[in-house]
Each structure stands twice: as C-alpha cells, then as structure tokens.
C-alpha atoms as a PDB file:
ATOM      1  CA  MET A   1      -0.010  -0.053  -0.003  1.00  0.00           C
ATOM      2  CA  GLN A   2       2.914   2.297   0.867  1.00  0.00           C
ATOM      3  CA  LEU A   3       4.408   1.568  -2.369  1.00  0.00           C
ATOM      4  CA  LYS A   4       1.417   2.592  -4.399  1.00  0.00           C
ATOM      5  CA  PHE A   5       1.066   5.796  -2.456  1.00  0.00           C
ATOM      6  CA  ALA A   6       4.829   6.614  -3.167  1.00  0.00           C
ATOM      7  CA  LEU A   7       4.277   5.953  -6.728  1.00  0.00           C
ATOM      8  CA  LEU A   8       1.436   8.079  -6.861  1.00  0.00           C
ATOM      9  CA  LEU A   9       3.425  10.849  -5.233  1.00  0.00           C
ATOM     10  CA  VAL A  10       6.197  10.618  -7.623  1.00  0.00           C
ATOM     11  CA  CYS A  11       3.840  10.595 -10.634  1.00  0.00           C
ATOM     12  CA  LEU A  12       2.162  13.678  -9.245  1.00  0.00           C
ATOM     13  CA  TYR A  13       5.544  15.772  -8.866  1.00  0.00           C
ATOM     14  CA  ALA A  14       6.624  14.523 -12.209  1.00  0.00           C
ATOM     15  CA  SER A  15       3.437  15.670 -13.902  1.00  0.00           C
ATOM     16  CA  VAL A  16       3.856  19.118 -12.036  1.00  0.00           C
ATOM     17  CA  PHE A  17       7.528  19.550 -13.027  1.00  0.00           C
ATOM     18  CA  SER A  18       7.283  18.203 -16.368  1.00  0.00           C
ATOM     19  CA  CYS A  19       5.674  19.965 -19.629  1.00  0.00           C
ATOM     20  CA  TYR A  20       4.616  16.522 -21.078  1.00  0.00           C
ATOM     21  CA  ILE A  21       1.058  15.731 -20.146  1.00  0.00           C
ATOM     22  CA  ASN A  22       1.722  12.337 -21.571  1.00  0.00           C
ATOM     23  CA  LEU A  23       3.811  11.598 -18.521  1.00  0.00           C
ATOM     24  CA  LEU A  24       0.733  11.898 -16.153  1.00  0.00           C
ATOM     25  CA  HIS A  25      -1.490   9.889 -18.480  1.00  0.00           C
ATOM     26  CA  MET A  26       1.277   7.109 -18.580  1.00  0.00           C
ATOM     27  CA  CYS A  27       1.384   7.274 -14.618  1.00  0.00           C
ATOM     28  CA  VAL A  28      -2.329   6.903 -14.383  1.00  0.00           C
ATOM     29  CA  LEU A  29      -2.108   3.842 -16.577  1.00  0.00           C
ATOM     30  CA  MET A  30       0.526   2.414 -14.528  1.00  0.00           C
ATOM     31  CA  LEU A  31      -1.399   2.768 -11.438  1.00  0.00           C
ATOM     32  CA  ALA A  32      -4.377   1.359 -13.069  1.00  0.00           C
ATOM     33  CA  MET A  33      -2.326  -1.750 -13.993  1.00  0.00           C
ATOM     34  CA  LEU A  34      -0.917  -1.972 -10.307  1.00  0.00           C
ATOM     35  CA  LEU A  35      -4.379  -1.955  -9.012  1.00  0.00           C
ATOM     36  CA  ASP A  36      -6.014  -4.451 -11.513  1.00  0.00           C
ATOM     37  CA  LEU A  37      -3.327  -7.111 -12.341  1.00  0.00           C
ATOM     38  CA  GLY A  38      -6.004  -9.181 -14.113  1.00  0.00           C
ATOM     39  CA  SER A  39      -6.912  -6.612 -16.726  1.00  0.00           C
ATOM     40  CA  ILE A  40      -4.715  -6.770 -20.013  1.00  0.00           C
ATOM     41  CA  ILE A  41      -6.547  -3.413 -21.307  1.00  0.00           C
ATOM     42  CA  PRO A  42      -4.466  -1.000 -19.154  1.00  0.00           C
ATOM     43  CA  LEU A  43      -1.240  -3.084 -20.355  1.00  0.00           C
ATOM     44  CA  VAL A  44      -2.007  -2.582 -23.866  1.00  0.00           C
ATOM     45  CA  LEU A  45      -2.917   1.035 -23.531  1.00  0.00           C
ATOM     46  CA  LEU A  46       0.291   1.606 -21.466  1.00  0.00           C
ATOM     47  CA  LYS A  47       2.264   0.149 -24.253  1.00  0.00           C
ATOM     48  CA  LYS A  48       0.709   2.468 -26.832  1.00  0.00           C
ATOM     49  CA  CYS A  49       1.151   5.570 -24.362  1.00  0.00           C
ATOM     50  CA  ILE A  50       4.949   4.621 -24.101  1.00  0.00           C
ATOM     51  CA  PHE A  51       5.232   4.206 -28.010  1.00  0.00           C
ATOM     52  CA  LEU A  52       3.734   7.712 -28.484  1.00  0.00           C
ATOM     53  CA  PHE A  53       5.744   9.365 -25.659  1.00  0.00           C
ATOM     54  CA  ALA A  54       8.824   7.805 -27.085  1.00  0.00           C
ATOM     55  CA  VAL A  55       8.210   9.343 -30.595  1.00  0.00           C
END
C-alpha cells in the first residue's frame, strides 16, 4: 500500500514539474495496471502510450 502511495506521489511531482501531459497519463495507466493486474487493457494502453511518448 505504501509503495502505491509513493508511486502516486512521484507521478504527481513528475506531472507538475514536466511539460509533458503524456507523462501524467502514463502514470495513471501504470497505477491502474498495479491496482488490477488481471486486466490486460491497461497494459495495452500503456504500451501504446509509451510508444507515443517515445516518438
């Protein structure tokens, strides 16, 4: 539980100090994937988001 909270804080700080809105979107998808490991949809969206973020 503390790990998820720490990850959320890191993502919030990253979104505040970064000009990339995609970074926040990627962090939200990562949190969704951590909270529901049985779902494959967040994983697919995360891969798509990482590809767009890298390009």
